[in-house]
């Protein structure tokens, strides 16, 4: 990680990076520094049945099945901007690797492509945890990549900040 990125993260910034991939798939990455140990951040991001209580735009979230470190999760959320907001439903297959990562992939729902991971990192250079979100997405409904990337750039800071606030408050 570059020194400037680390300084931005320690200042409280949410870093976001977007890339356009072939076939109108958008790749998005986001990072935030959370002043809490990885176990507390883990507890926050894996509290699947309560995500709708504190994450913006998540309307419903509940575990359908748990088999060891594999979880099937149903979620309903809002996506879009202004009058172009749409309710989306999806079922995800999650794989937990405590305390380092949670990978996810849609198995049914409103996306053609929706897969990614949450990463929890520590470093001797900082206290706390670096939380990263990396995903590739393409809606099943018509949404040009420029609009998808705009929505991600609008929504990710509040999602990342909600995880930070919850993990630091526990």
Protein backbone atom coordinates (compact mmCIF):
# COMPACT_ATOMS: atom_id res chain seq x y z
CA UNK A 1 0.00 0.00 0.00
CA UNK A 2 1.24 3.45 -0.86
CA UNK A 3 2.06 5.84 1.97
CA UNK A 4 -0.50 8.37 0.68
CA UNK A 5 -3.25 5.71 0.74
CA UNK A 6 -2.36 4.79 4.31
CA UNK A 7 -2.44 8.46 5.33
CA UNK A 8 -5.87 8.89 3.70
CA UNK A 9 -7.20 5.80 5.47
CA UNK A 10 -5.86 6.89 8.85
CA UNK A 11 -7.46 10.32 8.27
CA UNK A 12 -10.82 8.55 7.98
CA UNK A 13 -11.24 8.58 4.20
CA UNK A 14 -13.03 5.80 2.34
CA UNK A 15 -10.99 4.82 -0.71
CA UNK A 16 -12.86 3.70 -3.83
CA UNK A 17 -11.55 2.37 -7.11
CA UNK A 18 -13.67 1.47 -10.14
CA UNK A 19 -12.70 -0.38 -13.30
CA UNK A 20 -14.72 -1.24 -16.39
CA UNK A 21 -14.32 -4.86 -17.45
CA UNK A 22 -15.44 -6.58 -20.68
CA UNK A 23 -19.16 -7.31 -21.19
CA UNK A 24 -20.26 -4.27 -19.14
CA UNK A 25 -19.06 -5.73 -15.84
CA UNK A 26 -17.95 -3.15 -13.27
CA UNK A 27 -15.18 -3.96 -10.79
CA UNK A 28 -15.29 -1.97 -7.57
CA UNK A 29 -12.90 -1.87 -4.61
CA UNK A 30 -13.22 0.07 -1.40
CA UNK A 31 -11.12 0.31 1.78
CA UNK A 32 -11.56 1.84 5.18
CA UNK A 33 -9.56 1.90 8.41
CA UNK A 34 -11.49 0.72 11.45
CA UNK A 35 -10.09 1.39 14.91
CA UNK A 36 -11.05 -2.04 16.22
CA UNK A 37 -9.47 -5.49 16.23
CA UNK A 38 -10.26 -7.88 13.36
CA UNK A 39 -12.50 -10.05 15.58
CA UNK A 40 -14.80 -7.08 16.24
CA UNK A 41 -14.89 -6.08 12.56
CA UNK A 42 -15.59 -9.71 11.69
CA UNK A 43 -18.52 -9.79 14.12
CA UNK A 44 -19.92 -6.68 12.46
CA UNK A 45 -19.69 -7.80 8.82
CA UNK A 46 -20.95 -11.33 9.56
CA UNK A 47 -24.00 -10.27 11.57
CA UNK A 48 -26.03 -11.18 8.49
CA UNK A 49 -29.49 -11.24 10.08
CA UNK A 50 -29.03 -7.68 11.38
CA UNK A 51 -27.40 -5.95 8.38
CA UNK A 52 -30.69 -4.25 7.50
CA UNK A 53 -30.69 -2.57 10.92
CA UNK A 54 -27.62 -0.45 10.19
CA UNK A 55 -26.52 -0.70 6.56
CA UNK A 56 -28.02 1.89 4.24
CA UNK A 57 -30.08 0.52 1.36
CA UNK A 58 -30.23 -3.01 2.85
CA UNK A 59 -33.94 -3.64 3.40
CA UNK A 60 -33.80 -7.31 4.44
CA UNK A 61 -31.01 -9.78 5.14
CA UNK A 62 -31.32 -13.26 6.58
CA UNK A 63 -29.49 -16.57 6.64
CA UNK A 64 -31.30 -19.30 4.74
CA UNK A 65 -28.81 -22.04 5.56
CA UNK A 66 -25.51 -22.44 7.38
CA UNK A 67 -23.22 -25.40 6.80
CA UNK A 68 -19.92 -24.86 8.63
CA UNK A 69 -18.19 -21.89 6.99
CA UNK A 70 -20.65 -21.82 4.04
CA UNK A 71 -23.77 -19.70 4.30
CA UNK A 72 -26.68 -19.11 1.98
CA UNK A 73 -27.99 -15.58 2.47
CA UNK A 74 -31.07 -13.83 1.09
CA UNK A 75 -30.94 -10.05 0.77
CA UNK A 76 -33.22 -7.34 -0.50
CA UNK A 77 -31.90 -3.85 -1.06
CA UNK A 78 -32.28 -0.63 -2.97
CA UNK A 79 -29.99 0.41 -5.76
CA UNK A 80 -29.92 3.41 -8.02
CA UNK A 81 -30.26 7.13 -7.53
CA UNK A 82 -33.08 9.61 -7.11
CA UNK A 83 -36.18 8.52 -9.03
CA UNK A 84 -34.20 5.70 -10.63
CA UNK A 85 -34.04 3.65 -7.44
CA UNK A 86 -34.91 -0.03 -7.83
CA UNK A 87 -35.49 -2.79 -5.29
CA UNK A 88 -33.22 -5.79 -5.93
CA UNK A 89 -33.30 -9.30 -4.51
CA UNK A 90 -30.50 -11.81 -4.49
CA UNK A 91 -29.39 -15.03 -2.86
CA UNK A 92 -25.69 -15.28 -2.08
CA UNK A 93 -23.41 -18.19 -1.32
CA UNK A 94 -20.89 -16.98 1.27
CA UNK A 95 -17.67 -18.66 2.37
CA UNK A 96 -16.15 -17.46 5.63
CA UNK A 97 -12.44 -17.71 6.35
CA UNK A 98 -12.18 -16.36 9.92
CA UNK A 99 -10.78 -13.79 10.59
CA UNK A 100 -9.47 -12.85 7.16
CA UNK A 101 -12.19 -12.91 4.53
CA UNK A 102 -15.76 -13.53 3.47
CA UNK A 103 -16.20 -14.33 -0.20
CA UNK A 104 -19.60 -14.16 -1.88
CA UNK A 105 -21.27 -15.03 -5.15
CA UNK A 106 -24.85 -14.62 -6.25
CA UNK A 107 -26.60 -17.93 -6.90
CA UNK A 108 -29.91 -16.34 -7.91
CA UNK A 109 -31.32 -12.86 -8.17
CA UNK A 110 -31.27 -9.56 -10.03
CA UNK A 111 -27.63 -9.57 -11.15
CA UNK A 112 -25.96 -11.29 -14.05
CA UNK A 113 -22.65 -10.98 -12.17
CA UNK A 114 -22.35 -10.30 -8.45
CA UNK A 115 -19.32 -11.78 -6.73
CA UNK A 116 -16.57 -10.58 -4.50
CA UNK A 117 -15.09 -10.56 -1.04
CA UNK A 118 -14.62 -8.70 2.20
CA UNK A 119 -10.99 -8.70 3.41
CA UNK A 120 -9.77 -7.87 6.92
CA UNK A 121 -6.11 -6.92 7.18
CA UNK A 122 -3.80 -5.83 9.94
CA UNK A 123 -0.42 -4.19 9.73
CA UNK A 124 2.38 -3.41 12.12
CA UNK A 125 2.23 0.15 10.73
CA UNK A 126 -1.26 0.83 12.12
CA UNK A 127 -3.59 -0.06 14.95
CA UNK A 128 -6.94 -1.56 14.08
CA UNK A 129 -8.15 -3.25 10.92
CA UNK A 130 -8.22 -2.37 7.23
CA UNK A 131 -11.54 -3.51 5.78
CA UNK A 132 -11.66 -3.98 2.02
CA UNK A 133 -14.60 -4.73 -0.24
CA UNK A 134 -13.94 -6.02 -3.75
CA UNK A 135 -16.71 -6.96 -6.15
CA UNK A 136 -17.58 -7.50 -9.78
CA UNK A 137 -21.12 -6.68 -10.77
CA UNK A 138 -23.47 -6.46 -13.67
CA UNK A 139 -27.22 -6.07 -13.13
CA UNK A 140 -29.67 -8.34 -14.94
CA UNK A 141 -31.77 -5.23 -15.71
CA UNK A 142 -30.58 -2.48 -18.03
CA UNK A 143 -28.08 -0.21 -16.29
CA UNK A 144 -25.13 1.18 -18.25
CA UNK A 145 -21.72 0.62 -16.58
CA UNK A 146 -21.34 4.37 -16.07
CA UNK A 147 -24.55 4.39 -14.00
CA UNK A 148 -23.52 1.26 -12.05
CA UNK A 149 -20.17 2.85 -11.20
CA UNK A 150 -21.84 6.14 -10.22
CA UNK A 151 -24.20 4.30 -7.84
CA UNK A 152 -21.29 2.37 -6.32
CA UNK A 153 -19.32 5.58 -5.80
CA UNK A 154 -22.38 7.09 -4.07
CA UNK A 155 -23.32 4.09 -1.89
CA UNK A 156 -20.00 2.56 -0.81
CA UNK A 157 -18.81 5.36 1.50
CA UNK A 158 -21.97 5.13 3.64
CA UNK A 159 -21.82 1.31 3.70
CA UNK A 160 -18.16 1.30 4.73
CA UNK A 161 -18.76 4.04 7.33
CA UNK A 162 -21.70 2.09 8.79
CA UNK A 163 -19.45 -0.95 9.29
CA UNK A 164 -16.78 1.29 10.85
CA UNK A 165 -19.20 3.00 13.25
CA UNK A 166 -20.74 -0.28 14.35
CA UNK A 167 -17.39 -2.06 14.88
CA UNK A 168 -15.91 0.88 16.78
CA UNK A 169 -19.01 1.29 18.98
CA UNK A 170 -19.20 -2.32 20.20
